[in-house]
Amino acid sequence: MALELRPNCECCDKDLPPDALDACICTFECTFCRDCVETVLSNVCPNCGGGFAPRPIRPSREWRDGLSTAKRPPSTKRVSMSITRDEARAFAAGIRNIRPEER
Protein backbone atom coordinates (compact mmCIF):
# COMPACT_ATOMS: atom_id res chain seq x y z
CA MET A 1 0.00 0.00 0.00
CA ALA A 2 1.36 3.41 -0.97
CA LEU A 3 1.72 6.31 1.44
CA GLU A 4 -1.17 8.75 1.43
CA LEU A 5 1.18 11.76 0.96
CA ARG A 6 -0.94 14.29 2.81
CA PRO A 7 -0.79 17.75 1.25
CA ASN A 8 -0.11 19.91 4.30
CA CYS A 9 1.49 20.31 7.70
CA GLU A 10 -1.07 19.35 10.31
CA CYS A 11 0.24 22.09 12.62
CA CYS A 12 0.80 25.23 10.52
CA ASP A 13 -1.07 24.17 7.34
CA LYS A 14 2.00 24.78 5.13
CA ASP A 15 1.66 23.13 1.73
CA LEU A 16 3.75 19.96 1.48
CA PRO A 17 3.63 18.74 -2.12
CA PRO A 18 4.77 15.17 -2.91
CA ASP A 19 8.32 16.37 -3.59
CA ALA A 20 8.65 18.49 -0.41
CA LEU A 21 12.03 17.93 1.21
CA ASP A 22 10.81 19.25 4.57
CA ALA A 23 7.85 16.88 5.01
CA CYS A 24 8.08 14.58 8.04
CA ILE A 25 5.84 11.67 8.99
CA CYS A 26 5.34 9.34 11.96
CA THR A 27 4.50 5.64 11.59
CA PHE A 28 0.79 6.52 11.32
CA GLU A 29 1.62 8.98 8.53
CA CYS A 30 0.78 12.05 10.56
CA THR A 31 2.42 14.77 8.46
CA PHE A 32 4.23 17.90 9.61
CA CYS A 33 6.81 20.28 8.20
CA ARG A 34 10.34 20.02 9.60
CA ASP A 35 10.05 23.47 11.21
CA CYS A 36 7.00 22.44 13.29
CA VAL A 37 8.59 19.07 14.15
CA GLU A 38 11.65 20.87 15.53
CA THR A 39 10.22 24.06 17.05
CA VAL A 40 6.71 23.14 18.18
CA LEU A 41 6.59 19.35 18.56
CA SER A 42 10.15 18.53 19.73
CA ASN A 43 10.10 15.41 17.51
CA VAL A 44 7.02 14.06 19.34
CA CYS A 45 3.93 13.27 17.27
CA PRO A 46 1.02 14.97 19.07
CA ASN A 47 -1.28 12.18 17.92
CA CYS A 48 0.62 8.99 18.78
CA GLY A 49 3.70 10.10 20.75
CA GLY A 50 6.11 8.60 18.24
CA GLY A 51 9.00 10.28 16.49
CA PHE A 52 9.30 11.55 12.94
CA ALA A 53 11.27 10.62 9.84
CA PRO A 54 11.61 12.41 6.52
CA ARG A 55 8.71 11.55 4.22
CA PRO A 56 9.92 9.66 1.15
CA ILE A 57 9.45 11.30 -2.23
CA ARG A 58 7.24 9.42 -4.68
CA PRO A 59 8.67 9.60 -8.18
CA SER A 60 6.77 11.86 -10.56
CA ARG A 61 8.12 9.85 -13.48
CA GLU A 62 6.84 6.34 -14.02
CA TRP A 63 10.03 4.26 -13.83
CA ARG A 64 7.97 1.10 -13.29
CA ASP A 65 4.43 0.45 -14.48
CA GLY A 66 1.85 2.25 -12.35
CA LEU A 67 4.31 3.63 -9.79
CA SER A 68 4.37 7.42 -9.93
CA THR A 69 2.45 10.40 -8.63
CA ALA A 70 0.56 10.42 -11.94
CA LYS A 71 -0.66 6.83 -11.46
CA ARG A 72 -0.89 6.94 -7.63
CA PRO A 73 -1.73 10.55 -6.86
CA PRO A 74 -1.15 12.08 -3.45
CA SER A 75 -4.06 12.90 -1.17
CA THR A 76 -5.79 16.25 -1.56
CA LYS A 77 -7.52 16.05 1.84
CA ARG A 78 -6.00 18.57 4.25
CA VAL A 79 -5.57 17.39 7.85
CA SER A 80 -5.22 19.46 11.02
CA MET A 81 -4.25 18.62 14.58
CA SER A 82 -7.18 18.04 16.92
CA ILE A 83 -5.35 19.92 19.69
CA THR A 84 -3.83 23.39 19.97
CA ARG A 85 -0.13 24.15 19.54
CA ASP A 86 0.13 24.81 23.28
CA GLU A 87 -1.43 21.42 24.04
CA ALA A 88 0.98 19.78 21.58
CA ARG A 89 3.95 21.51 23.25
CA ALA A 90 2.77 20.40 26.70
CA PHE A 91 2.32 16.82 25.51
CA ALA A 92 5.78 16.81 23.91
CA ALA A 93 7.38 18.28 27.04
CA GLY A 94 6.46 15.19 29.00
CA ILE A 95 8.13 12.68 26.69
CA ARG A 96 10.55 14.53 24.40
CA ASN A 97 13.57 13.37 26.41
CA ILE A 98 12.65 9.73 25.82
CA ARG A 99 14.16 8.45 22.56
CA PRO A 100 11.45 7.65 19.98
CA GLU A 101 12.42 3.97 19.90
CA GLU A 102 11.86 3.77 23.66
CA ARG A 103 8.48 5.53 23.82
C-alpha atoms as a PDB file:
ATOM      1  CA  MET A   1       0.000   0.000   0.000  1.00  0.00           C
ATOM      2  CA  ALA A   2       1.357   3.414  -0.968  1.00  0.00           C
ATOM      3  CA  LEU A   3       1.723   6.314   1.436  1.00  0.00           C
ATOM      4  CA  GLU A   4      -1.170   8.755   1.432  1.00  0.00           C
ATOM      5  CA  LEU A   5       1.180  11.757   0.958  1.00  0.00           C
ATOM      6  CA  ARG A   6      -0.940  14.287   2.814  1.00  0.00           C
ATOM      7  CA  PRO A   7      -0.793  17.754   1.253  1.00  0.00           C
ATOM      8  CA  ASN A   8      -0.106  19.913   4.297  1.00  0.00           C
ATOM      9  CA  CYS A   9       1.493  20.308   7.698  1.00  0.00           C
ATOM     10  CA  GLU A  10      -1.072  19.346  10.307  1.00  0.00           C
ATOM     11  CA  CYS A  11       0.236  22.086  12.622  1.00  0.00           C
ATOM     12  CA  CYS A  12       0.802  25.231  10.522  1.00  0.00           C
ATOM     13  CA  ASP A  13      -1.072  24.167   7.342  1.00  0.00           C
ATOM     14  CA  LYS A  14       1.999  24.781   5.134  1.00  0.00           C
ATOM     15  CA  ASP A  15       1.658  23.135   1.726  1.00  0.00           C
ATOM     16  CA  LEU A  16       3.754  19.958   1.481  1.00  0.00           C
ATOM     17  CA  PRO A  17       3.635  18.738  -2.118  1.00  0.00           C
ATOM     18  CA  PRO A  18       4.771  15.173  -2.907  1.00  0.00           C
ATOM     19  CA  ASP A  19       8.324  16.369  -3.592  1.00  0.00           C
ATOM     20  CA  ALA A  20       8.652  18.486  -0.408  1.00  0.00           C
ATOM     21  CA  LEU A  21      12.027  17.929   1.214  1.00  0.00           C
ATOM     22  CA  ASP A  22      10.813  19.253   4.567  1.00  0.00           C
ATOM     23  CA  ALA A  23       7.849  16.884   5.015  1.00  0.00           C
ATOM     24  CA  CYS A  24       8.084  14.576   8.036  1.00  0.00           C
ATOM     25  CA  ILE A  25       5.841  11.671   8.995  1.00  0.00           C
ATOM     26  CA  CYS A  26       5.335   9.344  11.961  1.00  0.00           C
ATOM     27  CA  THR A  27       4.504   5.645  11.588  1.00  0.00           C
ATOM     28  CA  PHE A  28       0.791   6.523  11.321  1.00  0.00           C
ATOM     29  CA  GLU A  29       1.625   8.981   8.529  1.00  0.00           C
ATOM     30  CA  CYS A  30       0.784  12.053  10.557  1.00  0.00           C
ATOM     31  CA  THR A  31       2.416  14.773   8.463  1.00  0.00           C
ATOM     32  CA  PHE A  32       4.227  17.897   9.613  1.00  0.00           C
ATOM     33  CA  CYS A  33       6.814  20.282   8.198  1.00  0.00           C
ATOM     34  CA  ARG A  34      10.338  20.020   9.603  1.00  0.00           C
ATOM     35  CA  ASP A  35      10.049  23.466  11.213  1.00  0.00           C
ATOM     36  CA  CYS A  36       7.000  22.441  13.291  1.00  0.00           C
ATOM     37  CA  VAL A  37       8.589  19.070  14.149  1.00  0.00           C
ATOM     38  CA  GLU A  38      11.646  20.867  15.532  1.00  0.00           C
ATOM     39  CA  THR A  39      10.218  24.062  17.046  1.00  0.00           C
ATOM     40  CA  VAL A  40       6.709  23.138  18.182  1.00  0.00           C
ATOM     41  CA  LEU A  41       6.590  19.351  18.557  1.00  0.00           C
ATOM     42  CA  SER A  42      10.146  18.527  19.725  1.00  0.00           C
ATOM     43  CA  ASN A  43      10.096  15.410  17.508  1.00  0.00           C
ATOM     44  CA  VAL A  44       7.018  14.060  19.343  1.00  0.00           C
ATOM     45  CA  CYS A  45       3.932  13.273  17.268  1.00  0.00           C
ATOM     46  CA  PRO A  46       1.025  14.966  19.066  1.00  0.00           C
ATOM     47  CA  ASN A  47      -1.282  12.183  17.921  1.00  0.00           C
ATOM     48  CA  CYS A  48       0.617   8.992  18.777  1.00  0.00           C
ATOM     49  CA  GLY A  49       3.696  10.099  20.750  1.00  0.00           C
ATOM     50  CA  GLY A  50       6.111   8.600  18.241  1.00  0.00           C
ATOM     51  CA  GLY A  51       9.002  10.282  16.490  1.00  0.00           C
ATOM     52  CA  PHE A  52       9.298  11.554  12.935  1.00  0.00           C
ATOM     53  CA  ALA A  53      11.269  10.615   9.844  1.00  0.00           C
ATOM     54  CA  PRO A  54      11.614  12.412   6.517  1.00  0.00           C
ATOM     55  CA  ARG A  55       8.708  11.550   4.223  1.00  0.00           C
ATOM     56  CA  PRO A  56       9.923   9.664   1.147  1.00  0.00           C
ATOM     57  CA  ILE A  57       9.449  11.296  -2.234  1.00  0.00           C
ATOM     58  CA  ARG A  58       7.245   9.417  -4.676  1.00  0.00           C
ATOM     59  CA  PRO A  59       8.675   9.599  -8.185  1.00  0.00           C
ATOM     60  CA  SER A  60       6.767  11.858 -10.557  1.00  0.00           C
ATOM     61  CA  ARG A  61       8.117   9.850 -13.482  1.00  0.00           C
ATOM     62  CA  GLU A  62       6.836   6.338 -14.021  1.00  0.00           C
ATOM     63  CA  TRP A  63      10.032   4.264 -13.829  1.00  0.00           C
ATOM     64  CA  ARG A  64       7.970   1.099 -13.287  1.00  0.00           C
ATOM     65  CA  ASP A  65       4.429   0.451 -14.479  1.00  0.00           C
ATOM     66  CA  GLY A  66       1.848   2.251 -12.351  1.00  0.00           C
ATOM     67  CA  LEU A  67       4.307   3.628  -9.794  1.00  0.00           C
ATOM     68  CA  SER A  68       4.367   7.419  -9.933  1.00  0.00           C
ATOM     69  CA  THR A  69       2.447  10.403  -8.632  1.00  0.00           C
ATOM     70  CA  ALA A  70       0.562  10.416 -11.937  1.00  0.00           C
ATOM     71  CA  LYS A  71      -0.664   6.830 -11.458  1.00  0.00           C
ATOM     72  CA  ARG A  72      -0.891   6.937  -7.634  1.00  0.00           C
ATOM     73  CA  PRO A  73      -1.725  10.552  -6.863  1.00  0.00           C
ATOM     74  CA  PRO A  74      -1.148  12.084  -3.447  1.00  0.00           C
ATOM     75  CA  SER A  75      -4.056  12.901  -1.169  1.00  0.00           C
ATOM     76  CA  THR A  76      -5.791  16.255  -1.556  1.00  0.00           C
ATOM     77  CA  LYS A  77      -7.516  16.048   1.845  1.00  0.00           C
ATOM     78  CA  ARG A  78      -5.997  18.573   4.249  1.00  0.00           C
ATOM     79  CA  VAL A  79      -5.568  17.393   7.847  1.00  0.00           C
ATOM     80  CA  SER A  80      -5.223  19.463  11.022  1.00  0.00           C
ATOM     81  CA  MET A  81      -4.250  18.622  14.584  1.00  0.00           C
ATOM     82  CA  SER A  82      -7.179  18.036  16.919  1.00  0.00           C
ATOM     83  CA  ILE A  83      -5.352  19.917  19.689  1.00  0.00           C
ATOM     84  CA  THR A  84      -3.832  23.388  19.968  1.00  0.00           C
ATOM     85  CA  ARG A  85      -0.125  24.150  19.541  1.00  0.00           C
ATOM     86  CA  ASP A  86       0.128  24.807  23.277  1.00  0.00           C
ATOM     87  CA  GLU A  87      -1.429  21.419  24.044  1.00  0.00           C
ATOM     88  CA  ALA A  88       0.982  19.778  21.580  1.00  0.00           C
ATOM     89  CA  ARG A  89       3.952  21.515  23.250  1.00  0.00           C
ATOM     90  CA  ALA A  90       2.769  20.399  26.704  1.00  0.00           C
ATOM     91  CA  PHE A  91       2.319  16.820  25.509  1.00  0.00           C
ATOM     92  CA  ALA A  92       5.778  16.809  23.915  1.00  0.00           C
ATOM     93  CA  ALA A  93       7.384  18.281  27.037  1.00  0.00           C
ATOM     94  CA  GLY A  94       6.456  15.187  29.004  1.00  0.00           C
ATOM     95  CA  ILE A  95       8.126  12.677  26.685  1.00  0.00           C
ATOM     96  CA  ARG A  96      10.553  14.534  24.397  1.00  0.00           C
ATOM     97  CA  ASN A  97      13.568  13.366  26.406  1.00  0.00           C
ATOM     98  CA  ILE A  98      12.653   9.726  25.820  1.00  0.00           C
ATOM     99  CA  ARG A  99      14.161   8.450  22.562  1.00  0.00           C
ATOM    100  CA  PRO A 100      11.450   7.651  19.984  1.00  0.00           C
ATOM    101  CA  GLU A 101      12.424   3.969  19.897  1.00  0.00           C
ATOM    102  CA  GLU A 102      11.856   3.769  23.659  1.00  0.00           C
ATOM    103  CA  ARG A 103       8.482   5.534  23.821  1.00  0.00           C
END
